[in-house]
Amino acid sequence: MFVNKIVSLSAVLVFLVTIKVSLSQLELGIETTTEEVSTTICSTCSCVDRVVNCANLNLTTIFELPDWDGLRDFKPTKVNLTQNPITAVTRISKLPIQELNLSNCEIQTLEDGSFLYLEDLSVLDLSGNKISTSAINRKVFGGLLGIDGPRDFVKLQYLSLANNDLHTLPQDIFLYMPGLLTLDLSGNPLAFIDQITMGAISDLKNLRELRLSGCELDSLPEGLLRRHRKLRRLDLSNNRFTTVPSVLREAPNLVYLNLDRTSLQTLGANTPLSNMTKLQELNLSRLSRLQNISAGALSGLTDLVILRLNYNPRLTNLHPDFLVWMNEDDEELWPDLKELYLNNNNLSVIDSGIIDGWNDLVTGDFSNNPFNCDCKNQWVVDVLVPLLASTPANSSVNNMVCKKPADVRGLSFAQLNNASRTLVCQEAETITELPISNMAIILGIMIGIVVTFPIVLILVLLWRKGFFSKCRNRKNYDSDDEHEHQNL
């Protein structure tokens, strides 16, 4: 009994001493939990502020489960493993990782359920690897098993499979990603979107952005976008389309469309773009074959704010009414553009009727075109140049340079504006402005006219005086005499 009392008293004393020491440490500002994270991963990578940075460390593996378990107290939210020669992805432990970057490695295989423990995952970047169609399936992207099967990745919003070796997508690959908002398939050799691939994409009913840049596509199947009523951004750049894909009629809610680096040759009236009344930004740049844009080609884009129509080296004909449409009262309407880029094309003139409210333009670029500085561009000197000078892109004004006529060649529109220059109209080019080859042709024509005209005139005069009739009668008379002589 006595011994029990002594033990109890000792325990109380130890407890009191511990409390006192703890209070003393708190009073002195000394932390009681000073144990640092010490794991295999953090001894290899940088672990700061819940971010694990293992980028470009020549790692050949993605670490084992026990290594990931060592990060449980660190509670990482971001893990960056980009630019490592990792060939295979294996499972990662249950951690609160929200962003996982496995881009630009050499990944060829992914273990089934590689990410099943990452219930908080919202961003997964697998771009720039060697992933083929056979390497991925719905089991790879399946979550933890529940009563009804694998759970969904309810928080996953961004998935990039760009720049891999995908020729098609497996069926139901996105089955467990109901909340996916952005899917990037750019740079894969799809060439053609088959029914299975279209079905896989169609499963993503909440998709907001789809990127199909550089997929070697020359067409898109009807119905591809029919179920994507929430789609807002679509990137179809760097493909082989020769006409605007008709499937765009299925996406009237787009606010952004990129058709850069495609094979469009002309834009005629009533294209599938006309029903995109909510489109705010349109990119039609670096179209190496584009030559002509007709009236009404981009009509009906009522909400268009930004138009990039630049770096098209063959674009020579831009109809003044290419943005115009008519309302029910037969009134002409234009979009309220805030940004317009027509630089680095092959345009000789910019018509003042392209847009209605030039004063509403916030920024624009019309530089590096072979301008013909005649009276048709007088408004550019008097109106557009002062307007552009007050915008953030004012330096581009200095690159709006005259190519002809000869007396202003090499001068910029800004210089013409400073000199209050009045431009005159020339109905035809003078001979001195033409290339030597053209001058030679004209000179040959003129010599031909000078030589031929007197000959023709002499022949006409002889005909009027009956010279040719007399010759014909004389020939007939000689023929009769010869015939009579033969009879004798």
Protein backbone atom coordinates (compact mmCIF):
# COMPACT_ATOMS: atom_id res chain seq x y z
CA MET A 1 0.00 0.00 0.00
CA PHE A 2 2.79 2.36 0.97
CA VAL A 3 4.64 1.50 -2.21
CA ASN A 4 1.55 2.31 -4.30
CA LYS A 5 1.30 5.74 -2.70
CA ILE A 6 4.95 6.44 -3.44
CA VAL A 7 4.46 5.42 -7.10
CA SER A 8 1.37 7.60 -7.43
CA LEU A 9 3.15 10.57 -5.85
CA SER A 10 6.11 10.09 -8.18
CA ALA A 11 3.82 10.07 -11.20
CA VAL A 12 2.18 13.28 -10.06
CA LEU A 13 5.56 14.94 -9.56
CA VAL A 14 6.72 13.86 -13.04
CA PHE A 15 3.51 15.23 -14.53
CA LEU A 16 3.89 18.55 -12.73
CA VAL A 17 7.54 18.85 -13.77
CA THR A 18 6.59 18.12 -17.39
CA ILE A 19 3.92 20.81 -17.32
CA LYS A 20 6.37 23.31 -15.81
CA VAL A 21 9.02 22.54 -18.40
CA SER A 22 6.45 22.87 -21.17
CA LEU A 23 5.24 26.19 -19.81
CA SER A 24 8.82 27.41 -19.49
CA GLN A 25 9.46 26.49 -23.11
CA LEU A 26 6.31 28.30 -24.24
CA GLU A 27 7.33 31.38 -22.23
CA LEU A 28 10.72 31.34 -23.89
CA GLY A 29 9.15 30.87 -27.37
CA ILE A 30 10.72 27.44 -27.85
CA GLU A 31 8.66 25.09 -30.07
CA THR A 32 7.92 21.74 -28.52
CA THR A 33 7.65 19.98 -31.95
CA THR A 34 10.95 20.65 -33.62
CA GLU A 35 11.27 17.29 -35.38
CA GLU A 36 11.97 17.93 -39.08
CA VAL A 37 10.64 15.88 -41.94
CA SER A 38 13.23 13.33 -42.87
CA THR A 39 12.36 11.03 -45.75
CA THR A 40 14.02 9.55 -48.79
CA ILE A 41 12.03 11.88 -51.03
CA CYS A 42 12.84 15.07 -49.14
CA SER A 43 16.51 14.16 -48.93
CA THR A 44 16.51 13.94 -52.73
CA CYS A 45 14.04 16.67 -53.64
CA SER A 46 13.10 20.07 -52.26
CA CYS A 47 10.28 20.00 -49.72
CA VAL A 48 9.11 23.50 -48.82
CA ASP A 49 5.67 24.89 -47.97
CA ARG A 50 3.93 21.59 -48.77
CA VAL A 51 5.48 21.55 -52.23
CA VAL A 52 7.73 18.66 -53.32
CA ASN A 53 9.94 19.72 -56.21
CA CYS A 54 11.83 16.87 -57.88
CA ALA A 55 12.13 18.47 -61.32
CA ASN A 56 15.10 17.63 -63.54
CA LEU A 57 16.98 15.46 -61.03
CA ASN A 58 17.68 12.55 -63.39
CA LEU A 59 15.34 10.28 -61.44
CA THR A 60 14.59 6.97 -63.11
CA THR A 61 11.77 5.85 -60.79
CA ILE A 62 8.78 7.54 -59.23
CA PHE A 63 9.68 6.30 -55.70
CA GLU A 64 8.12 3.37 -53.81
CA LEU A 65 5.10 3.38 -51.50
CA PRO A 66 7.21 3.43 -48.28
CA ASP A 67 8.98 6.53 -49.60
CA TRP A 68 5.66 8.29 -50.21
CA ASP A 69 4.45 7.19 -46.77
CA GLY A 70 7.25 9.26 -45.29
CA LEU A 71 5.50 12.43 -46.53
CA ARG A 72 2.32 11.95 -44.50
CA ASP A 73 3.34 14.44 -41.82
CA PHE A 74 4.54 16.91 -44.48
CA LYS A 75 1.13 16.74 -46.21
CA PRO A 76 2.22 17.83 -49.70
CA THR A 77 -0.30 19.56 -51.96
CA LYS A 78 1.96 19.84 -55.04
CA VAL A 79 4.43 17.31 -56.43
CA ASN A 80 6.61 18.16 -59.43
CA LEU A 81 8.48 15.32 -61.14
CA THR A 82 8.87 16.89 -64.58
CA GLN A 83 11.91 16.32 -66.82
CA ASN A 84 13.11 13.06 -65.32
CA PRO A 85 13.83 9.84 -67.29
CA ILE A 86 11.00 7.99 -65.54
CA THR A 87 9.61 5.18 -67.72
CA ALA A 88 6.91 3.75 -65.45
CA VAL A 89 4.32 5.21 -63.07
CA THR A 90 3.47 3.22 -59.95
CA ARG A 91 1.04 3.87 -57.13
CA ILE A 92 1.44 6.82 -54.83
CA SER A 93 0.39 6.69 -51.17
CA LYS A 94 -2.68 8.38 -49.77
CA LEU A 95 -1.56 12.01 -49.59
CA PRO A 96 -3.41 15.33 -49.97
CA ILE A 97 -1.76 15.99 -53.33
CA GLN A 98 -3.78 18.40 -55.44
CA GLU A 99 -1.37 18.94 -58.35
CA LEU A 100 0.84 16.20 -59.80
CA ASN A 101 3.23 17.07 -62.64
CA LEU A 102 4.72 14.12 -64.54
CA SER A 103 5.32 15.98 -67.79
CA ASN A 104 8.30 15.63 -70.14
CA CYS A 105 9.55 12.34 -68.75
CA GLU A 106 9.85 9.09 -70.69
CA ILE A 107 6.77 7.37 -69.31
CA GLN A 108 5.60 4.37 -71.29
CA THR A 109 3.60 2.37 -68.74
CA LEU A 110 1.19 3.21 -65.93
CA GLU A 111 0.19 0.76 -63.22
CA ASP A 112 -3.53 0.14 -62.79
CA GLY A 113 -4.78 2.41 -60.05
CA SER A 114 -1.66 4.57 -60.13
CA PHE A 115 -3.56 7.52 -58.65
CA LEU A 116 -6.34 5.76 -56.76
CA TYR A 117 -5.22 7.01 -53.33
CA LEU A 118 -5.04 10.67 -54.46
CA GLU A 119 -8.60 11.65 -53.65
CA ASP A 120 -7.76 15.38 -53.59
CA LEU A 121 -6.13 15.38 -57.03
CA SER A 122 -7.38 18.27 -59.20
CA VAL A 123 -4.52 18.71 -61.74
CA LEU A 124 -2.72 15.82 -63.47
CA ASP A 125 -0.12 16.57 -66.15
CA LEU A 126 1.15 13.61 -68.17
CA SER A 127 2.16 15.59 -71.26
CA GLY A 128 5.38 15.12 -73.23
CA ASN A 129 5.80 11.40 -72.61
CA LYS A 130 5.70 8.19 -74.67
CA ILE A 131 2.28 6.99 -73.59
CA SER A 132 0.51 4.91 -76.24
CA THR A 133 -3.13 3.87 -76.44
CA SER A 134 -2.34 0.42 -75.03
CA ALA A 135 -0.73 1.93 -71.94
CA ILE A 136 -3.87 3.60 -70.61
CA ASN A 137 -7.35 2.38 -69.77
CA ARG A 138 -10.07 3.14 -67.27
CA LYS A 139 -8.33 0.99 -64.63
CA VAL A 140 -5.33 3.33 -64.69
CA PHE A 141 -7.57 6.26 -63.81
CA GLY A 142 -9.84 4.39 -61.39
CA GLY A 143 -10.28 5.47 -57.78
CA LEU A 144 -10.58 3.50 -54.55
CA LEU A 145 -13.01 0.59 -54.55
CA GLY A 146 -16.38 1.32 -53.03
CA ILE A 147 -19.61 -0.59 -52.73
CA ASP A 148 -20.48 0.06 -56.38
CA GLY A 149 -16.97 -0.23 -57.76
CA PRO A 150 -14.11 2.28 -58.16
CA ARG A 151 -14.87 5.74 -56.85
CA ASP A 152 -14.77 8.83 -59.01
CA PHE A 153 -12.04 11.43 -58.98
CA VAL A 154 -14.59 14.04 -58.09
CA LYS A 155 -12.01 16.82 -57.67
CA LEU A 156 -10.03 16.20 -60.87
CA GLN A 157 -10.55 19.21 -63.16
CA TYR A 158 -7.48 19.29 -65.42
CA LEU A 159 -5.92 16.39 -67.34
CA SER A 160 -3.18 16.75 -69.95
CA LEU A 161 -2.20 13.85 -72.20
CA ALA A 162 -0.64 16.20 -74.75
CA ASN A 163 2.37 15.27 -76.88
CA ASN A 164 2.22 11.53 -76.40
CA ASP A 165 1.69 8.68 -78.87
CA LEU A 166 -2.08 8.31 -78.77
CA HIS A 167 -3.72 7.30 -82.05
CA THR A 168 -7.08 6.74 -80.39
CA LEU A 169 -8.61 6.83 -76.92
CA PRO A 170 -9.71 3.66 -75.06
CA GLN A 171 -13.36 3.26 -74.27
CA ASP A 172 -14.54 4.67 -70.92
CA ILE A 173 -11.09 6.10 -70.16
CA PHE A 174 -12.72 9.16 -68.54
CA LEU A 175 -15.46 7.19 -66.79
CA TYR A 176 -14.25 8.16 -63.31
CA MET A 177 -13.68 11.85 -64.09
CA PRO A 178 -17.18 13.37 -64.06
CA GLY A 179 -15.91 16.78 -62.96
CA LEU A 180 -13.15 17.18 -65.58
CA LEU A 181 -13.18 20.73 -66.95
CA THR A 182 -10.06 20.79 -69.18
CA LEU A 183 -8.77 18.01 -71.43
CA ASP A 184 -5.58 18.53 -73.45
CA LEU A 185 -4.91 16.01 -76.24
CA SER A 186 -2.69 18.30 -78.32
CA GLY A 187 0.27 16.89 -80.21
CA ASN A 188 -1.03 13.32 -80.47
CA PRO A 189 -1.14 11.63 -83.92
CA LEU A 190 -4.89 11.06 -83.87
CA ALA A 191 -5.30 11.88 -87.60
CA PHE A 192 -8.93 10.76 -87.37
CA ILE A 193 -11.38 10.76 -84.48
CA ASP A 194 -13.11 7.39 -84.53
CA GLN A 195 -16.35 6.46 -82.80
CA ILE A 196 -14.63 5.10 -79.68
CA THR A 197 -12.57 8.27 -79.25
CA MET A 198 -15.62 10.43 -79.85
CA GLY A 199 -17.57 8.39 -77.29
CA ALA A 200 -14.82 8.80 -74.71
CA ILE A 201 -14.77 12.58 -75.17
CA SER A 202 -18.57 12.74 -75.17
CA ASP A 203 -18.62 11.23 -71.67
CA LEU A 204 -17.18 14.48 -70.32
CA LYS A 205 -20.44 16.38 -70.08
CA ASN A 206 -18.99 19.10 -67.84
CA LEU A 207 -16.03 19.85 -70.10
CA ARG A 208 -15.23 23.56 -70.43
CA GLU A 209 -12.05 23.41 -72.54
CA LEU A 210 -10.86 20.94 -75.18
CA ARG A 211 -7.44 21.17 -76.84
CA LEU A 212 -6.83 19.28 -80.08
CA SER A 213 -3.92 21.29 -81.44
CA GLY A 214 -1.44 19.51 -83.70
CA CYS A 215 -3.36 16.22 -83.97
CA GLU A 216 -3.00 15.86 -87.78
CA LEU A 217 -6.76 16.24 -88.23
CA ASP A 218 -8.30 17.17 -91.58
CA SER A 219 -11.90 16.79 -90.42
CA LEU A 220 -14.03 16.37 -87.32
CA PRO A 221 -16.94 13.90 -87.10
CA GLU A 222 -20.48 15.17 -86.82
CA GLY A 223 -21.77 14.84 -83.27
CA LEU A 224 -18.40 15.32 -81.60
CA LEU A 225 -19.51 18.46 -79.75
CA ARG A 226 -23.25 17.84 -79.62
CA ARG A 227 -23.30 16.88 -75.93
CA HIS A 228 -20.83 19.54 -74.82
CA ARG A 229 -23.21 22.39 -74.06
CA LYS A 230 -20.86 23.68 -71.36
CA LEU A 231 -17.82 23.82 -73.67
CA ARG A 232 -16.39 27.34 -73.75
CA ARG A 233 -12.87 27.05 -75.19
CA LEU A 234 -11.74 25.00 -78.18
CA ASP A 235 -8.23 24.81 -79.67
CA LEU A 236 -8.06 23.29 -83.18
CA SER A 237 -4.84 24.98 -84.23
CA ASN A 238 -2.03 23.38 -86.24
CA ASN A 239 -4.27 20.89 -88.06
CA ARG A 240 -5.05 20.21 -91.73
CA PHE A 241 -8.51 21.74 -92.11
CA THR A 242 -8.99 23.31 -95.56
CA THR A 243 -12.43 24.62 -94.59
CA VAL A 244 -13.97 25.63 -91.29
CA PRO A 245 -15.24 22.36 -89.71
CA SER A 246 -19.03 22.17 -89.93
CA VAL A 247 -19.13 20.50 -86.50
CA LEU A 248 -18.59 23.95 -84.99
CA ARG A 249 -22.29 24.55 -85.51
CA GLU A 250 -22.75 22.19 -82.54
CA ALA A 251 -20.84 24.53 -80.22
CA PRO A 252 -22.77 27.82 -80.13
CA ASN A 253 -21.62 28.56 -76.58
CA LEU A 254 -17.90 28.84 -77.35
CA VAL A 255 -16.22 32.03 -76.16
CA TYR A 256 -12.73 31.14 -77.50
CA LEU A 257 -11.76 29.42 -80.75
CA ASN A 258 -8.26 28.90 -82.12
CA LEU A 259 -7.83 27.98 -85.81
CA ASP A 260 -4.20 29.10 -86.14
CA ARG A 261 -1.80 27.22 -88.44
CA THR A 262 -4.51 25.39 -90.36
CA SER A 263 -4.76 24.96 -94.15
CA LEU A 264 -7.70 27.30 -94.74
CA GLN A 265 -7.45 28.85 -98.21
CA THR A 266 -10.48 31.10 -98.25
CA LEU A 267 -13.24 32.23 -95.93
CA GLY A 268 -16.54 32.63 -97.72
CA ALA A 269 -19.91 33.90 -96.53
CA ASN A 270 -22.03 31.98 -94.03
CA THR A 271 -19.31 29.81 -92.53
CA PRO A 272 -20.09 27.62 -89.48
CA LEU A 273 -18.67 30.47 -87.42
CA SER A 274 -21.71 32.65 -88.07
CA ASN A 275 -23.89 31.05 -85.38
CA MET A 276 -21.29 31.57 -82.64
CA THR A 277 -23.03 34.54 -81.14
CA LYS A 278 -21.19 34.15 -77.81
CA LEU A 279 -17.69 33.94 -79.28
CA GLN A 280 -15.43 36.59 -77.75
CA GLU A 281 -11.96 35.66 -79.04
CA LEU A 282 -11.08 34.24 -82.47
CA ASN A 283 -7.59 33.33 -83.72
CA LEU A 284 -7.00 33.01 -87.47
CA SER A 285 -3.25 33.51 -87.61
CA ARG A 286 -0.36 31.92 -89.52
CA LEU A 287 -2.64 30.50 -92.21
CA SER A 288 -0.05 30.03 -94.92
CA ARG A 289 -2.63 29.38 -97.68
CA LEU A 290 -5.29 31.94 -96.83
CA GLN A 291 -5.74 34.44 -99.68
CA ASN A 292 -9.27 35.76 -99.56
CA ILE A 293 -11.88 36.68 -96.94
CA SER A 294 -15.27 37.44 -98.46
CA ALA A 295 -18.12 39.66 -97.34
CA GLY A 296 -19.97 38.17 -94.37
CA ALA A 297 -17.27 35.56 -93.71
CA LEU A 298 -17.32 36.37 -89.99
CA SER A 299 -20.79 37.87 -89.78
CA GLY A 300 -23.03 37.26 -86.81
CA LEU A 301 -20.25 37.25 -84.18
CA THR A 302 -22.15 39.67 -82.00
CA ASP A 303 -19.97 39.28 -78.88
CA LEU A 304 -16.58 39.24 -80.62
CA VAL A 305 -14.05 41.33 -78.71
CA ILE A 306 -10.63 40.05 -79.87
CA LEU A 307 -9.78 39.13 -83.46
CA ARG A 308 -6.31 37.93 -84.41
CA LEU A 309 -6.03 37.79 -88.19
CA ASN A 310 -2.30 38.19 -88.66
CA TYR A 311 0.84 36.51 -90.03
CA ASN A 312 -1.04 35.32 -93.12
CA PRO A 313 1.53 35.95 -95.89
CA ARG A 314 -0.88 35.38 -98.82
CA LEU A 315 -3.86 37.31 -97.51
CA THR A 316 -4.35 40.06 -100.09
CA ASN A 317 -8.13 40.45 -100.22
CA LEU A 318 -9.97 41.42 -97.05
CA HIS A 319 -13.50 42.50 -97.94
CA PRO A 320 -14.63 45.61 -96.04
CA ASP A 321 -17.85 43.82 -95.02
CA PHE A 322 -16.30 40.58 -93.77
CA LEU A 323 -17.59 41.30 -90.24
CA VAL A 324 -20.93 42.84 -91.21
CA TRP A 325 -24.36 41.27 -90.85
CA MET A 326 -27.92 42.57 -91.27
CA ASN A 327 -30.57 42.67 -88.56
CA GLU A 328 -34.31 42.24 -89.03
CA ASP A 329 -34.62 45.88 -90.09
CA ASP A 330 -31.91 45.45 -92.76
CA GLU A 331 -29.48 47.54 -90.74
CA GLU A 332 -25.77 46.81 -90.94
CA LEU A 333 -24.17 45.70 -87.68
CA TRP A 334 -20.58 45.09 -86.56
CA PRO A 335 -19.13 43.49 -83.41
CA ASP A 336 -17.73 45.86 -80.78
CA LEU A 337 -14.10 44.90 -81.22
CA LYS A 338 -11.63 45.96 -78.55
CA GLU A 339 -8.56 44.30 -80.06
CA LEU A 340 -7.83 43.84 -83.76
CA TYR A 341 -4.60 42.43 -85.17
CA LEU A 342 -4.04 42.57 -88.96
CA ASN A 343 -0.26 42.78 -88.93
CA ASN A 344 2.13 40.78 -91.11
CA ASN A 345 -0.35 40.04 -93.88
CA ASN A 346 -0.18 40.97 -97.58
CA LEU A 347 -2.71 43.81 -97.44
CA SER A 348 -2.21 46.94 -99.49
CA VAL A 349 -5.16 48.82 -98.01
CA ILE A 350 -7.15 48.88 -94.78
CA ASP A 351 -10.73 49.92 -95.38
CA SER A 352 -12.32 52.24 -92.84
CA GLY A 353 -15.50 50.16 -92.98
CA ILE A 354 -13.96 47.03 -91.47
CA ILE A 355 -15.32 48.01 -88.06
CA ASP A 356 -17.84 50.62 -87.09
CA GLY A 357 -16.45 52.04 -83.84
CA TRP A 358 -12.74 52.66 -84.32
CA ASN A 359 -12.74 54.85 -81.23
CA ASP A 360 -13.75 51.82 -79.14
CA LEU A 361 -10.58 49.98 -80.16
CA VAL A 362 -8.33 49.50 -77.12
CA THR A 363 -5.36 48.07 -78.98
CA GLY A 364 -4.48 46.95 -82.48
CA ASP A 365 -1.62 46.15 -84.83
CA PHE A 366 -1.64 46.73 -88.61
CA SER A 367 2.11 46.80 -89.21
CA ASN A 368 4.27 44.96 -91.76
CA ASN A 369 1.88 45.05 -94.69
CA PRO A 370 2.82 46.21 -98.24
CA PHE A 371 0.71 49.35 -98.09
CA ASN A 372 -0.23 51.36 -101.17
CA CYS A 373 -0.19 54.90 -99.80
CA ASP A 374 -2.79 56.52 -102.02
CA CYS A 375 -6.05 58.29 -101.20
CA LYS A 376 -7.72 55.02 -100.11
CA ASN A 377 -5.41 54.99 -97.09
CA GLN A 378 -5.75 58.69 -96.31
CA TRP A 379 -8.01 57.88 -93.36
CA VAL A 380 -5.24 55.72 -91.91
CA VAL A 381 -2.95 58.75 -91.84
CA ASP A 382 -5.56 61.11 -90.42
CA VAL A 383 -7.59 58.85 -88.09
CA LEU A 384 -6.06 55.44 -87.39
CA VAL A 385 -2.48 56.54 -86.72
CA PRO A 386 -3.43 59.07 -83.99
CA LEU A 387 -5.75 56.47 -82.48
CA LEU A 388 -3.06 53.75 -82.39
CA ALA A 389 -0.53 56.21 -80.98
CA SER A 390 -2.59 56.38 -77.80
CA THR A 391 -2.80 52.58 -77.33
CA PRO A 392 -0.37 50.16 -75.63
CA ALA A 393 0.75 48.90 -79.05
CA ASN A 394 1.73 52.37 -80.25
CA SER A 395 5.19 51.24 -81.34
CA SER A 396 3.64 49.22 -84.19
CA VAL A 397 2.71 52.49 -85.92
CA ASN A 398 6.33 52.96 -86.92
CA ASN A 399 6.20 49.67 -88.83
CA MET A 400 3.25 50.71 -90.98
CA VAL A 401 5.37 51.60 -94.01
CA CYS A 402 4.48 52.53 -97.59
CA LYS A 403 5.60 50.21 -100.36
CA LYS A 404 4.31 52.39 -103.19
CA PRO A 405 4.04 54.81 -104.93
CA ALA A 406 7.68 55.65 -105.43
CA ASP A 407 7.55 59.15 -103.96
CA VAL A 408 6.53 57.88 -100.49
CA ARG A 409 8.11 54.42 -100.55
CA GLY A 410 9.82 53.67 -97.23
CA LEU A 411 7.93 56.36 -95.30
CA SER A 412 5.77 55.31 -92.36
CA PHE A 413 2.17 56.40 -91.86
CA ALA A 414 3.33 58.14 -88.71
CA GLN A 415 5.74 60.26 -90.74
CA LEU A 416 2.98 61.07 -93.22
CA ASN A 417 0.76 62.10 -90.33
CA ASN A 418 3.45 64.34 -88.82
CA ALA A 419 3.93 65.99 -92.21
CA SER A 420 0.15 66.35 -92.75
CA ARG A 421 0.68 64.63 -96.08
CA THR A 422 -2.23 64.41 -98.50
CA LEU A 423 -2.23 61.16 -100.48
CA VAL A 424 -3.37 61.20 -104.10
CA CYS A 425 -5.13 58.46 -106.03
CA GLN A 426 -3.38 56.94 -108.99
CA GLU A 427 -5.65 55.11 -111.35
CA ALA A 428 -2.78 53.25 -112.90
CA GLU A 429 0.88 52.74 -112.21
CA THR A 430 3.33 54.78 -114.22
CA ILE A 431 5.89 52.97 -116.31
CA THR A 432 8.69 54.09 -114.03
CA GLU A 433 7.05 52.32 -111.07
CA LEU A 434 6.83 48.99 -112.85
CA PRO A 435 9.44 46.25 -112.65
CA ILE A 436 11.91 45.87 -115.52
CA SER A 437 10.19 42.70 -116.75
CA ASN A 438 6.85 44.54 -116.98
CA MET A 439 8.48 47.46 -118.77
CA ALA A 440 9.97 45.08 -121.34
CA ILE A 441 6.54 43.59 -122.03
CA ILE A 442 4.94 47.00 -122.41
CA LEU A 443 7.76 48.19 -124.67
CA GLY A 444 7.31 45.12 -126.89
CA ILE A 445 3.58 45.75 -127.15
CA MET A 446 4.18 49.38 -128.07
CA ILE A 447 6.70 48.44 -130.80
CA GLY A 448 4.24 45.89 -132.15
CA ILE A 449 1.53 48.52 -132.31
CA VAL A 450 3.81 51.06 -134.04
CA VAL A 451 4.90 48.53 -136.69
CA THR A 452 1.52 46.91 -137.26
CA PHE A 453 -0.66 50.03 -137.43
CA PRO A 454 0.78 51.51 -140.72
CA ILE A 455 0.57 48.11 -142.44
CA VAL A 456 -3.04 47.67 -141.45
CA LEU A 457 -3.82 51.24 -142.55
CA ILE A 458 -2.27 50.71 -146.02
CA LEU A 459 -4.18 47.45 -146.49
CA VAL A 460 -7.46 49.16 -145.58
CA LEU A 461 -6.82 51.98 -148.06
CA LEU A 462 -6.00 49.53 -150.86
CA TRP A 463 -9.17 47.58 -150.12
CA ARG A 464 -11.31 50.71 -150.24
CA LYS A 465 -9.83 51.69 -153.66
CA GLY A 466 -10.69 48.25 -155.04
CA PHE A 467 -7.13 47.10 -155.47
CA PHE A 468 -7.85 43.59 -154.27
CA SER A 469 -10.93 43.34 -156.60
CA LYS A 470 -8.88 44.32 -159.61
CA CYS A 471 -6.25 41.75 -158.70
CA ARG A 472 -8.91 39.07 -158.37
CA ASN A 473 -10.50 39.98 -161.76
CA ARG A 474 -7.13 40.00 -163.46
CA LYS A 475 -6.33 36.60 -162.04
CA ASN A 476 -9.63 35.24 -163.34
CA TYR A 477 -8.99 36.76 -166.83
CA ASP A 478 -5.55 35.16 -167.00
CA SER A 479 -7.03 31.84 -166.04
CA ASP A 480 -9.60 32.05 -168.89
CA ASP A 481 -6.93 32.92 -171.45
CA GLU A 482 -4.86 29.97 -170.39
CA HIS A 483 -7.86 27.67 -170.63
CA GLU A 484 -8.69 28.82 -174.20
CA HIS A 485 -5.09 28.41 -175.23
CA GLN A 486 -5.10 24.82 -174.03
CA ASN A 487 -8.26 24.08 -176.03
CA LEU A 488 -6.62 25.32 -179.27
